[in-house]
PDB file of N, CA and C in Angstrom:
ATOM      1  N   MET A   1       8.340  21.356 -61.370  1.00  0.00           N
ATOM      2  CA  MET A   1       7.178  20.942 -60.636  1.00  0.00           C
ATOM      3  C   MET A   1       7.563  20.838 -59.169  1.00  0.00           C
ATOM      4  N   ASP A   2       6.689  21.355 -58.310  1.00  0.00           N
ATOM      5  CA  ASP A   2       6.890  21.248 -56.868  1.00  0.00           C
ATOM      6  C   ASP A   2       5.856  20.305 -56.281  1.00  0.00           C
ATOM      7  N   LEU A   3       6.260  19.572 -55.279  1.00  0.00           N
ATOM      8  CA  LEU A   3       5.325  18.732 -54.541  1.00  0.00           C
ATOM      9  C   LEU A   3       5.085  19.377 -53.198  1.00  0.00           C
ATOM     10  N   MET A   4       3.835  19.431 -52.790  1.00  0.00           N
ATOM     11  CA  MET A   4       3.494  19.998 -51.486  1.00  0.00           C
ATOM     12  C   MET A   4       2.942  18.889 -50.609  1.00  0.00           C
ATOM     13  N   ALA A   5       3.585  18.674 -49.491  1.00  0.00           N
ATOM     14  CA  ALA A   5       3.100  17.661 -48.553  1.00  0.00           C
ATOM     15  C   ALA A   5       1.782  18.119 -47.941  1.00  0.00           C
ATOM     16  N   LEU A   6       0.927  17.179 -47.626  1.00  0.00           N
ATOM     17  CA  LEU A   6      -0.341  17.497 -46.980  1.00  0.00           C
ATOM     18  C   LEU A   6      -0.170  17.254 -45.486  1.00  0.00           C
ATOM     19  N   GLU A   7       0.407  18.244 -44.832  1.00  0.00           N
ATOM     20  CA  GLU A   7       0.659  18.149 -43.402  1.00  0.00           C
ATOM     21  C   GLU A   7       0.680  19.550 -42.809  1.00  0.00           C
ATOM     22  N   GLY A   8       0.610  19.627 -41.518  1.00  0.00           N
ATOM     23  CA  GLY A   8       0.709  20.901 -40.810  1.00  0.00           C
ATOM     24  C   GLY A   8      -0.277  21.944 -41.305  1.00  0.00           C
ATOM     25  N   PRO A   9       0.214  23.155 -41.551  1.00  0.00           N
ATOM     26  CA  PRO A   9      -0.664  24.252 -41.965  1.00  0.00           C
ATOM     27  C   PRO A   9      -1.407  23.975 -43.273  1.00  0.00           C
ATOM     28  N   ASP A  10      -0.788  23.238 -44.195  1.00  0.00           N
ATOM     29  CA  ASP A  10      -1.463  22.914 -45.453  1.00  0.00           C
ATOM     30  C   ASP A  10      -2.664  22.002 -45.202  1.00  0.00           C
ATOM     31  N   ALA A  11      -2.504  21.038 -44.323  1.00  0.00           N
ATOM     32  CA  ALA A  11      -3.613  20.139 -44.000  1.00  0.00           C
ATOM     33  C   ALA A  11      -4.749  20.906 -43.331  1.00  0.00           C
ATOM     34  N   THR A  12      -4.401  21.838 -42.468  1.00  0.00           N
ATOM     35  CA  THR A  12      -5.422  22.661 -41.815  1.00  0.00           C
ATOM     36  C   THR A  12      -6.169  23.509 -42.833  1.00  0.00           C
ATOM     37  N   ALA A  13      -5.436  24.116 -43.772  1.00  0.00           N
ATOM     38  CA  ALA A  13      -6.070  24.937 -44.809  1.00  0.00           C
ATOM     39  C   ALA A  13      -7.011  24.093 -45.663  1.00  0.00           C
ATOM     40  N   VAL A  14      -6.610  22.882 -46.000  1.00  0.00           N
ATOM     41  CA  VAL A  14      -7.453  21.979 -46.784  1.00  0.00           C
ATOM     42  C   VAL A  14      -8.727  21.647 -46.003  1.00  0.00           C
ATOM     43  N   GLY A  15      -8.578  21.306 -44.748  1.00  0.00           N
ATOM     44  CA  GLY A  15      -9.737  20.980 -43.911  1.00  0.00           C
ATOM     45  C   GLY A  15     -10.703  22.140 -43.775  1.00  0.00           C
ATOM     46  N   LEU A  16     -10.178  23.336 -43.595  1.00  0.00           N
ATOM     47  CA  LEU A  16     -11.035  24.516 -43.484  1.00  0.00           C
ATOM     48  C   LEU A  16     -11.774  24.797 -44.786  1.00  0.00           C
ATOM     49  N   LEU A  17     -11.078  24.646 -45.913  1.00  0.00           N
ATOM     50  CA  LEU A  17     -11.717  24.860 -47.208  1.00  0.00           C
ATOM     51  C   LEU A  17     -12.849  23.861 -47.421  1.00  0.00           C
ATOM     52  N   LEU A  18     -12.607  22.591 -47.092  1.00  0.00           N
ATOM     53  CA  LEU A  18     -13.647  21.578 -47.243  1.00  0.00           C
ATOM     54  C   LEU A  18     -14.836  21.874 -46.328  1.00  0.00           C
ATOM     55  N   ALA A  19     -14.566  22.273 -45.105  1.00  0.00           N
ATOM     56  CA  ALA A  19     -15.651  22.580 -44.168  1.00  0.00           C
ATOM     57  C   ALA A  19     -16.481  23.764 -44.652  1.00  0.00           C
ATOM     58  N   CYS A  20     -15.813  24.795 -45.138  1.00  0.00           N
ATOM     59  CA  CYS A  20     -16.526  25.991 -45.606  1.00  0.00           C
ATOM     60  C   CYS A  20     -17.317  25.735 -46.878  1.00  0.00           C
ATOM     61  N   SER A  21     -16.824  24.852 -47.732  1.00  0.00           N
ATOM     62  CA  SER A  21     -17.476  24.609 -49.019  1.00  0.00           C
ATOM     63  C   SER A  21     -18.509  23.491 -48.949  1.00  0.00           C
ATOM     64  N   GLY A  22     -18.476  22.705 -47.890  1.00  0.00           N
ATOM     65  CA  GLY A  22     -19.395  21.581 -47.781  1.00  0.00           C
ATOM     66  C   GLY A  22     -19.073  20.453 -48.738  1.00  0.00           C
ATOM     67  N   THR A  23     -17.824  20.386 -49.193  1.00  0.00           N
ATOM     68  CA  THR A  23     -17.394  19.327 -50.096  1.00  0.00           C
ATOM     69  C   THR A  23     -16.447  18.391 -49.357  1.00  0.00           C
ATOM     70  N   ALA A  24     -16.036  17.319 -50.031  1.00  0.00           N
ATOM     71  CA  ALA A  24     -15.220  16.314 -49.342  1.00  0.00           C
ATOM     72  C   ALA A  24     -14.019  15.837 -50.132  1.00  0.00           C
ATOM     73  N   ASP A  25     -13.723  16.442 -51.271  1.00  0.00           N
ATOM     74  CA  ASP A  25     -12.614  15.962 -52.094  1.00  0.00           C
ATOM     75  C   ASP A  25     -11.305  16.597 -51.627  1.00  0.00           C
ATOM     76  N   VAL A  26     -10.540  15.822 -50.880  1.00  0.00           N
ATOM     77  CA  VAL A  26      -9.290  16.312 -50.301  1.00  0.00           C
ATOM     78  C   VAL A  26      -8.290  16.717 -51.386  1.00  0.00           C
ATOM     79  N   VAL A  27      -8.236  15.966 -52.459  1.00  0.00           N
ATOM     80  CA  VAL A  27      -7.280  16.270 -53.530  1.00  0.00           C
ATOM     81  C   VAL A  27      -7.615  17.614 -54.178  1.00  0.00           C
ATOM     82  N   ASP A  28      -8.888  17.832 -54.509  1.00  0.00           N
ATOM     83  CA  ASP A  28      -9.274  19.117 -55.105  1.00  0.00           C
ATOM     84  C   ASP A  28      -8.934  20.272 -54.167  1.00  0.00           C
ATOM     85  N   ALA A  29      -9.241  20.116 -52.895  1.00  0.00           N
ATOM     86  CA  ALA A  29      -8.950  21.184 -51.931  1.00  0.00           C
ATOM     87  C   ALA A  29      -7.453  21.433 -51.815  1.00  0.00           C
ATOM     88  N   HIS A  30      -6.659  20.375 -51.860  1.00  0.00           N
ATOM     89  CA  HIS A  30      -5.210  20.541 -51.775  1.00  0.00           C
ATOM     90  C   HIS A  30      -4.685  21.278 -53.002  1.00  0.00           C
ATOM     91  N   VAL A  31      -5.229  20.974 -54.168  1.00  0.00           N
ATOM     92  CA  VAL A  31      -4.835  21.674 -55.393  1.00  0.00           C
ATOM     93  C   VAL A  31      -5.158  23.163 -55.274  1.00  0.00           C
ATOM     94  N   VAL A  32      -6.348  23.489 -54.776  1.00  0.00           N
ATOM     95  CA  VAL A  32      -6.736  24.898 -54.598  1.00  0.00           C
ATOM     96  C   VAL A  32      -5.775  25.590 -53.642  1.00  0.00           C
ATOM     97  N   CYS A  33      -5.452  24.955 -52.543  1.00  0.00           N
ATOM     98  CA  CYS A  33      -4.532  25.560 -51.570  1.00  0.00           C
ATOM     99  C   CYS A  33      -3.132  25.722 -52.157  1.00  0.00           C
ATOM    100  N   ALA A  34      -2.694  24.777 -52.969  1.00  0.00           N
ATOM    101  CA  ALA A  34      -1.377  24.883 -53.608  1.00  0.00           C
ATOM    102  C   ALA A  34      -1.362  26.057 -54.572  1.00  0.00           C
ATOM    103  N   GLN A  35      -2.424  26.231 -55.323  1.00  0.00           N
ATOM    104  CA  GLN A  35      -2.489  27.348 -56.268  1.00  0.00           C
ATOM    105  C   GLN A  35      -2.457  28.659 -55.521  1.00  0.00           C
ATOM    106  N   ARG A  36      -3.103  28.734 -54.399  1.00  0.00           N
ATOM    107  CA  ARG A  36      -3.103  29.962 -53.595  1.00  0.00           C
ATOM    108  C   ARG A  36      -1.706  30.273 -53.082  1.00  0.00           C
ATOM    109  N   ALA A  37      -0.862  29.254 -53.042  1.00  0.00           N
ATOM    110  CA  ALA A  37       0.525  29.463 -52.618  1.00  0.00           C
ATOM    111  C   ALA A  37       1.410  29.842 -53.802  1.00  0.00           C
ATOM    112  N   GLY A  38       0.790  30.135 -54.948  1.00  0.00           N
ATOM    113  CA  GLY A  38       1.557  30.601 -56.097  1.00  0.00           C
ATOM    114  C   GLY A  38       1.837  29.562 -57.158  1.00  0.00           C
ATOM    115  N   GLN A  39       1.263  28.385 -57.025  1.00  0.00           N
ATOM    116  CA  GLN A  39       1.494  27.326 -57.996  1.00  0.00           C
ATOM    117  C   GLN A  39       0.575  27.504 -59.199  1.00  0.00           C
ATOM    118  N   THR A  40       1.026  27.107 -60.354  1.00  0.00           N
ATOM    119  CA  THR A  40       0.207  27.088 -61.561  1.00  0.00           C
ATOM    120  C   THR A  40      -0.531  25.762 -61.615  1.00  0.00           C
ATOM    121  N   VAL A  41      -1.825  25.807 -61.958  1.00  0.00           N
ATOM    122  CA  VAL A  41      -2.630  24.593 -61.960  1.00  0.00           C
ATOM    123  C   VAL A  41      -3.114  24.279 -63.369  1.00  0.00           C
ATOM    124  N   MET A  42      -2.783  23.092 -63.830  1.00  0.00           N
ATOM    125  CA  MET A  42      -3.342  22.544 -65.061  1.00  0.00           C
ATOM    126  C   MET A  42      -4.219  21.382 -64.641  1.00  0.00           C
ATOM    127  N   THR A  43      -5.445  21.331 -65.161  1.00  0.00           N
ATOM    128  CA  THR A  43      -6.373  20.320 -64.677  1.00  0.00           C
ATOM    129  C   THR A  43      -7.362  19.881 -65.748  1.00  0.00           C
ATOM    130  N   SER A  44      -7.841  18.673 -65.599  1.00  0.00           N
ATOM    131  CA  SER A  44      -8.961  18.205 -66.408  1.00  0.00           C
ATOM    132  C   SER A  44     -10.230  18.228 -65.555  1.00  0.00           C
ATOM    133  N   ASP A  45     -10.121  18.782 -64.362  1.00  0.00           N
ATOM    134  CA  ASP A  45     -11.209  18.807 -63.379  1.00  0.00           C
ATOM    135  C   ASP A  45     -11.562  20.247 -63.002  1.00  0.00           C
ATOM    136  N   ALA A  46     -11.625  21.114 -63.986  1.00  0.00           N
ATOM    137  CA  ALA A  46     -11.814  22.548 -63.721  1.00  0.00           C
ATOM    138  C   ALA A  46     -13.123  22.845 -62.999  1.00  0.00           C
ATOM    139  N   ALA A  47     -14.193  22.149 -63.330  1.00  0.00           N
ATOM    140  CA  ALA A  47     -15.494  22.439 -62.718  1.00  0.00           C
ATOM    141  C   ALA A  47     -15.461  22.238 -61.207  1.00  0.00           C
ATOM    142  N   ASP A  48     -14.867  21.137 -60.753  1.00  0.00           N
ATOM    143  CA  ASP A  48     -14.797  20.887 -59.308  1.00  0.00           C
ATOM    144  C   ASP A  48     -13.904  21.903 -58.608  1.00  0.00           C
ATOM    145  N   LEU A  49     -12.802  22.268 -59.237  1.00  0.00           N
ATOM    146  CA  LEU A  49     -11.908  23.259 -58.628  1.00  0.00           C
ATOM    147  C   LEU A  49     -12.584  24.628 -58.565  1.00  0.00           C
ATOM    148  N   ARG A  50     -13.319  24.995 -59.599  1.00  0.00           N
ATOM    149  CA  ARG A  50     -14.026  26.279 -59.606  1.00  0.00           C
ATOM    150  C   ARG A  50     -15.123  26.322 -58.558  1.00  0.00           C
ATOM    151  N   ARG A  51     -15.721  25.174 -58.252  1.00  0.00           N
ATOM    152  CA  ARG A  51     -16.732  25.123 -57.194  1.00  0.00           C
ATOM    153  C   ARG A  51     -16.107  25.502 -55.845  1.00  0.00           C
ATOM    154  N   LEU A  52     -14.852  25.117 -55.636  1.00  0.00           N
ATOM    155  CA  LEU A  52     -14.152  25.436 -54.392  1.00  0.00           C
ATOM    156  C   LEU A  52     -13.620  26.860 -54.381  1.00  0.00           C
ATOM    157  N   ALA A  53     -13.184  27.343 -55.535  1.00  0.00           N
ATOM    158  CA  ALA A  53     -12.568  28.674 -55.606  1.00  0.00           C
ATOM    159  C   ALA A  53     -12.812  29.260 -57.001  1.00  0.00           C
ATOM    160  N   PRO A  54     -13.957  29.917 -57.193  1.00  0.00           N
ATOM    161  CA  PRO A  54     -14.305  30.432 -58.521  1.00  0.00           C
ATOM    162  C   PRO A  54     -13.277  31.406 -59.106  1.00  0.00           C
ATOM    163  N   GLU A  55     -12.496  32.017 -58.256  1.00  0.00           N
ATOM    164  CA  GLU A  55     -11.530  33.021 -58.723  1.00  0.00           C
ATOM    165  C   GLU A  55     -10.250  32.428 -59.298  1.00  0.00           C
ATOM    166  N   LEU A  56     -10.082  31.123 -59.218  1.00  0.00           N
ATOM    167  CA  LEU A  56      -8.848  30.495 -59.694  1.00  0.00           C
ATOM    168  C   LEU A  56      -8.651  30.711 -61.194  1.00  0.00           C
ATOM    169  N   ARG A  57      -7.412  30.968 -61.558  1.00  0.00           N
ATOM    170  CA  ARG A  57      -7.033  30.985 -62.970  1.00  0.00           C
ATOM    171  C   ARG A  57      -6.467  29.607 -63.282  1.00  0.00           C
ATOM    172  N   LEU A  58      -7.187  28.856 -64.095  1.00  0.00           N
ATOM    173  CA  LEU A  58      -6.824  27.472 -64.386  1.00  0.00           C
ATOM    174  C   LEU A  58      -6.510  27.303 -65.858  1.00  0.00           C
ATOM    175  N   VAL A  59      -5.670  26.328 -66.149  1.00  0.00           N
ATOM    176  CA  VAL A  59      -5.449  25.877 -67.507  1.00  0.00           C
ATOM    177  C   VAL A  59      -6.159  24.539 -67.610  1.00  0.00           C
ATOM    178  N   ALA A  60      -7.275  24.520 -68.336  1.00  0.00           N
ATOM    179  CA  ALA A  60      -8.041  23.290 -68.486  1.00  0.00           C
ATOM    180  C   ALA A  60      -7.458  22.440 -69.595  1.00  0.00           C
ATOM    181  N   LEU A  61      -7.267  21.181 -69.309  1.00  0.00           N
ATOM    182  CA  LEU A  61      -6.722  20.243 -70.300  1.00  0.00           C
ATOM    183  C   LEU A  61      -7.837  19.449 -70.932  1.00  0.00           C
TER     184      LEU A  61
END
């Protein structure tokens, strides 16, 4: 498991994603950005993540 800090370019990417999507959940946006960086995502919150990035391949728990 890798931890990604929410700072610098990652924080900017999260902010841009939230602005473009009109949503406000920083954690969901950070998860989407982490997955785009090659991370595998397992979630019980698939619907919210799909709202931000419908193309995500998720493992729903």
